[in-house]
Amino acid sequence: MHTILVVVHLFLSIGLIGLILIQHGKGADAGAAFGSGASSTVFGARGSANFLSRTTGVLALLFFVTSLTLAWMAMETARDSGLMLDPQAMESQAAPVVESDLPAVPEAASDSAVPVVPVPAETAPKAE
């Protein structure tokens, strides 16, 4: 259902873009007033503007409906997949303990936050 709705939404958006691009703006009516032959169109003198406007409005309405439906479906999917709702799911989602081939690092003997770094004898300052 979700895939079908996404495909319909895609076709509606492409159709909506195409219809908007082929419509004439309000400035195109000034050329028609001086006899540019607008009455010889397929839909008549004003028929194409009404047809394209209404078709654009219907496609825009369908586009909004599919957008809201997809948003609602995404919200329902996100609501159902919460880990806090099912404690068993949290335990199954926990990262597995992986054994390492590296040797264990001994813990520091002191509780200080500054790590103790051994200095080689060649670079150590000489006490006089």
C-alpha atoms as a PDB file:
ATOM      1  CA  MET A   1       0.000   0.000   0.000  1.00  0.00           C
ATOM      2  CA  HIS A   2       2.791   2.378   0.925  1.00  0.00           C
ATOM      3  CA  THR A   3       4.687   1.753  -2.329  1.00  0.00           C
ATOM      4  CA  ILE A   4       1.575   2.269  -4.452  1.00  0.00           C
ATOM      5  CA  LEU A   5       0.834   5.527  -2.661  1.00  0.00           C
ATOM      6  CA  VAL A   6       4.405   6.767  -3.186  1.00  0.00           C
ATOM      7  CA  VAL A   7       4.187   5.980  -6.930  1.00  0.00           C
ATOM      8  CA  VAL A   8       0.827   7.795  -7.218  1.00  0.00           C
ATOM      9  CA  HIS A   9       2.304  10.727  -5.294  1.00  0.00           C
ATOM     10  CA  LEU A  10       5.258  10.846  -7.702  1.00  0.00           C
ATOM     11  CA  PHE A  11       3.026  10.823 -10.793  1.00  0.00           C
ATOM     12  CA  LEU A  12       0.801  13.519  -9.293  1.00  0.00           C
ATOM     13  CA  SER A  13       3.809  15.731  -8.639  1.00  0.00           C
ATOM     14  CA  ILE A  14       5.140  15.287 -12.187  1.00  0.00           C
ATOM     15  CA  GLY A  15       1.690  15.998 -13.642  1.00  0.00           C
ATOM     16  CA  LEU A  16       1.269  19.044 -11.440  1.00  0.00           C
ATOM     17  CA  ILE A  17       4.644  20.441 -12.492  1.00  0.00           C
ATOM     18  CA  GLY A  18       3.819  19.843 -16.166  1.00  0.00           C
ATOM     19  CA  LEU A  19       0.402  21.524 -15.948  1.00  0.00           C
ATOM     20  CA  ILE A  20       1.821  24.554 -14.176  1.00  0.00           C
ATOM     21  CA  LEU A  21       4.546  24.951 -16.771  1.00  0.00           C
ATOM     22  CA  ILE A  22       2.203  24.854 -19.793  1.00  0.00           C
ATOM     23  CA  GLN A  23      -0.215  27.456 -18.421  1.00  0.00           C
ATOM     24  CA  HIS A  24      -0.028  31.017 -19.644  1.00  0.00           C
ATOM     25  CA  GLY A  25       0.506  33.808 -17.182  1.00  0.00           C
ATOM     26  CA  LYS A  26      -1.777  36.788 -16.759  1.00  0.00           C
ATOM     27  CA  GLY A  27       0.510  38.856 -19.008  1.00  0.00           C
ATOM     28  CA  ALA A  28      -0.254  36.565 -21.969  1.00  0.00           C
ATOM     29  CA  ASP A  29      -3.834  37.858 -22.110  1.00  0.00           C
ATOM     30  CA  ALA A  30      -2.665  41.252 -23.357  1.00  0.00           C
ATOM     31  CA  GLY A  31      -1.366  39.689 -26.584  1.00  0.00           C
ATOM     32  CA  ALA A  32      -4.632  37.834 -27.097  1.00  0.00           C
ATOM     33  CA  ALA A  33      -6.577  41.079 -26.868  1.00  0.00           C
ATOM     34  CA  PHE A  34      -4.886  42.357 -30.044  1.00  0.00           C
ATOM     35  CA  GLY A  35      -5.920  39.386 -32.171  1.00  0.00           C
ATOM     36  CA  SER A  36      -3.295  36.719 -31.732  1.00  0.00           C
ATOM     37  CA  GLY A  37      -5.753  33.990 -32.698  1.00  0.00           C
ATOM     38  CA  ALA A  38      -6.747  32.677 -29.276  1.00  0.00           C
ATOM     39  CA  SER A  39     -10.206  31.685 -30.512  1.00  0.00           C
ATOM     40  CA  SER A  40      -8.746  28.952 -32.734  1.00  0.00           C
ATOM     41  CA  THR A  41      -7.462  26.866 -29.848  1.00  0.00           C
ATOM     42  CA  VAL A  42      -8.754  23.373 -29.072  1.00  0.00           C
ATOM     43  CA  PHE A  43     -10.741  24.431 -25.993  1.00  0.00           C
ATOM     44  CA  GLY A  44     -12.025  27.770 -27.361  1.00  0.00           C
ATOM     45  CA  ALA A  45     -11.071  31.332 -26.411  1.00  0.00           C
ATOM     46  CA  ARG A  46     -11.275  30.849 -22.616  1.00  0.00           C
ATOM     47  CA  GLY A  47     -11.806  27.090 -22.435  1.00  0.00           C
ATOM     48  CA  SER A  48      -8.157  26.093 -22.110  1.00  0.00           C
ATOM     49  CA  ALA A  49      -7.521  28.422 -19.181  1.00  0.00           C
ATOM     50  CA  ASN A  50     -10.521  27.052 -17.286  1.00  0.00           C
ATOM     51  CA  PHE A  51      -9.677  23.449 -18.159  1.00  0.00           C
ATOM     52  CA  LEU A  52      -6.014  23.784 -17.162  1.00  0.00           C
ATOM     53  CA  SER A  53      -6.862  25.724 -14.004  1.00  0.00           C
ATOM     54  CA  ARG A  54      -9.413  23.170 -12.863  1.00  0.00           C
ATOM     55  CA  THR A  55      -7.161  20.230 -13.698  1.00  0.00           C
ATOM     56  CA  THR A  56      -4.304  21.874 -11.789  1.00  0.00           C
ATOM     57  CA  GLY A  57      -6.595  22.420  -8.808  1.00  0.00           C
ATOM     58  CA  VAL A  58      -7.737  18.775  -8.812  1.00  0.00           C
ATOM     59  CA  LEU A  59      -4.158  17.495  -9.086  1.00  0.00           C
ATOM     60  CA  ALA A  60      -3.072  19.849  -6.290  1.00  0.00           C
ATOM     61  CA  LEU A  61      -5.888  18.564  -4.069  1.00  0.00           C
ATOM     62  CA  LEU A  62      -4.937  14.937  -4.768  1.00  0.00           C
ATOM     63  CA  PHE A  63      -1.266  15.786  -4.129  1.00  0.00           C
ATOM     64  CA  PHE A  64      -2.140  17.261  -0.717  1.00  0.00           C
ATOM     65  CA  VAL A  65      -4.277  14.238   0.158  1.00  0.00           C
ATOM     66  CA  THR A  66      -1.493  11.794  -0.726  1.00  0.00           C
ATOM     67  CA  SER A  67       1.028  13.943   1.182  1.00  0.00           C
ATOM     68  CA  LEU A  68      -1.108  13.896   4.318  1.00  0.00           C
ATOM     69  CA  THR A  69      -1.762  10.165   3.954  1.00  0.00           C
ATOM     70  CA  LEU A  70       1.955   9.396   3.604  1.00  0.00           C
ATOM     71  CA  ALA A  71       2.723  11.572   6.629  1.00  0.00           C
ATOM     72  CA  TRP A  72       0.042   9.820   8.674  1.00  0.00           C
ATOM     73  CA  MET A  73       1.364   6.394   7.637  1.00  0.00           C
ATOM     74  CA  ALA A  74       4.906   7.398   8.610  1.00  0.00           C
ATOM     75  CA  MET A  75       3.697   8.659  11.975  1.00  0.00           C
ATOM     76  CA  GLU A  76       1.835   5.406  12.675  1.00  0.00           C
ATOM     77  CA  THR A  77       4.869   3.337  11.706  1.00  0.00           C
ATOM     78  CA  ALA A  78       7.133   5.381  13.977  1.00  0.00           C
ATOM     79  CA  ARG A  79       4.662   5.122  16.868  1.00  0.00           C
ATOM     80  CA  ASP A  80       4.449   1.324  16.625  1.00  0.00           C
ATOM     81  CA  SER A  81       8.213   0.736  16.446  1.00  0.00           C
ATOM     82  CA  GLY A  82       9.223   2.304  19.756  1.00  0.00           C
ATOM     83  CA  LEU A  83      11.649   0.346  21.929  1.00  0.00           C
ATOM     84  CA  MET A  84      10.246   1.779  25.144  1.00  0.00           C
ATOM     85  CA  LEU A  85       6.921   0.053  24.556  1.00  0.00           C
ATOM     86  CA  ASP A  86       8.403  -3.459  24.620  1.00  0.00           C
ATOM     87  CA  PRO A  87      11.155  -4.231  27.170  1.00  0.00           C
ATOM     88  CA  GLN A  88      11.807  -7.592  25.485  1.00  0.00           C
ATOM     89  CA  ALA A  89      12.682  -5.772  22.269  1.00  0.00           C
ATOM     90  CA  MET A  90      15.253  -3.650  24.120  1.00  0.00           C
ATOM     91  CA  GLU A  91      17.037  -6.768  25.340  1.00  0.00           C
ATOM     92  CA  SER A  92      17.074  -8.303  21.874  1.00  0.00           C
ATOM     93  CA  GLN A  93      18.428  -5.044  20.389  1.00  0.00           C
ATOM     94  CA  ALA A  94      21.395  -4.953  22.800  1.00  0.00           C
ATOM     95  CA  ALA A  95      24.837  -5.179  21.213  1.00  0.00           C
ATOM     96  CA  PRO A  96      26.421  -8.613  21.545  1.00  0.00           C
ATOM     97  CA  VAL A  97      29.609  -9.012  23.560  1.00  0.00           C
ATOM     98  CA  VAL A  98      32.508  -9.615  21.201  1.00  0.00           C
ATOM     99  CA  GLU A  99      35.615 -11.431  22.344  1.00  0.00           C
ATOM    100  CA  SER A 100      38.801  -9.662  21.278  1.00  0.00           C
ATOM    101  CA  ASP A 101      42.108 -11.115  20.159  1.00  0.00           C
ATOM    102  CA  LEU A 102      43.974  -8.279  21.874  1.00  0.00           C
ATOM    103  CA  PRO A 103      45.414  -8.789  25.363  1.00  0.00           C
ATOM    104  CA  ALA A 104      43.617  -7.213  28.285  1.00  0.00           C
ATOM    105  CA  VAL A 105      44.908  -3.837  29.491  1.00  0.00           C
ATOM    106  CA  PRO A 106      45.690  -3.800  33.236  1.00  0.00           C
ATOM    107  CA  GLU A 107      43.881  -1.133  35.174  1.00  0.00           C
ATOM    108  CA  ALA A 108      45.857   1.755  36.673  1.00  0.00           C
ATOM    109  CA  ALA A 109      47.003   1.319  40.257  1.00  0.00           C
ATOM    110  CA  SER A 110      46.221   4.913  41.237  1.00  0.00           C
ATOM    111  CA  ASP A 111      42.803   6.496  41.307  1.00  0.00           C
ATOM    112  CA  SER A 112      44.018   9.814  39.903  1.00  0.00           C
ATOM    113  CA  ALA A 113      42.560  11.185  36.715  1.00  0.00           C
ATOM    114  CA  VAL A 114      46.015  11.907  35.253  1.00  0.00           C
ATOM    115  CA  PRO A 115      47.520   8.870  33.559  1.00  0.00           C
ATOM    116  CA  VAL A 116      51.062   7.880  34.471  1.00  0.00           C
ATOM    117  CA  VAL A 117      53.270   7.693  31.384  1.00  0.00           C
ATOM    118  CA  PRO A 118      56.670   6.014  31.758  1.00  0.00           C
ATOM    119  CA  VAL A 119      59.581   8.071  30.408  1.00  0.00           C
ATOM    120  CA  PRO A 120      62.548   6.271  28.801  1.00  0.00           C
ATOM    121  CA  ALA A 121      65.865   6.625  30.691  1.00  0.00           C
ATOM    122  CA  GLU A 122      67.593   8.414  27.805  1.00  0.00           C
ATOM    123  CA  THR A 123      65.164  11.339  27.787  1.00  0.00           C
ATOM    124  CA  ALA A 124      64.649  11.625  31.538  1.00  0.00           C
ATOM    125  CA  PRO A 125      66.109  14.815  33.091  1.00  0.00           C
ATOM    126  CA  LYS A 126      69.220  14.186  35.169  1.00  0.00           C
ATOM    127  CA  ALA A 127      69.111  15.177  38.803  1.00  0.00           C
ATOM    128  CA  GLU A 128      72.236  16.968  40.072  1.00  0.00           C
END
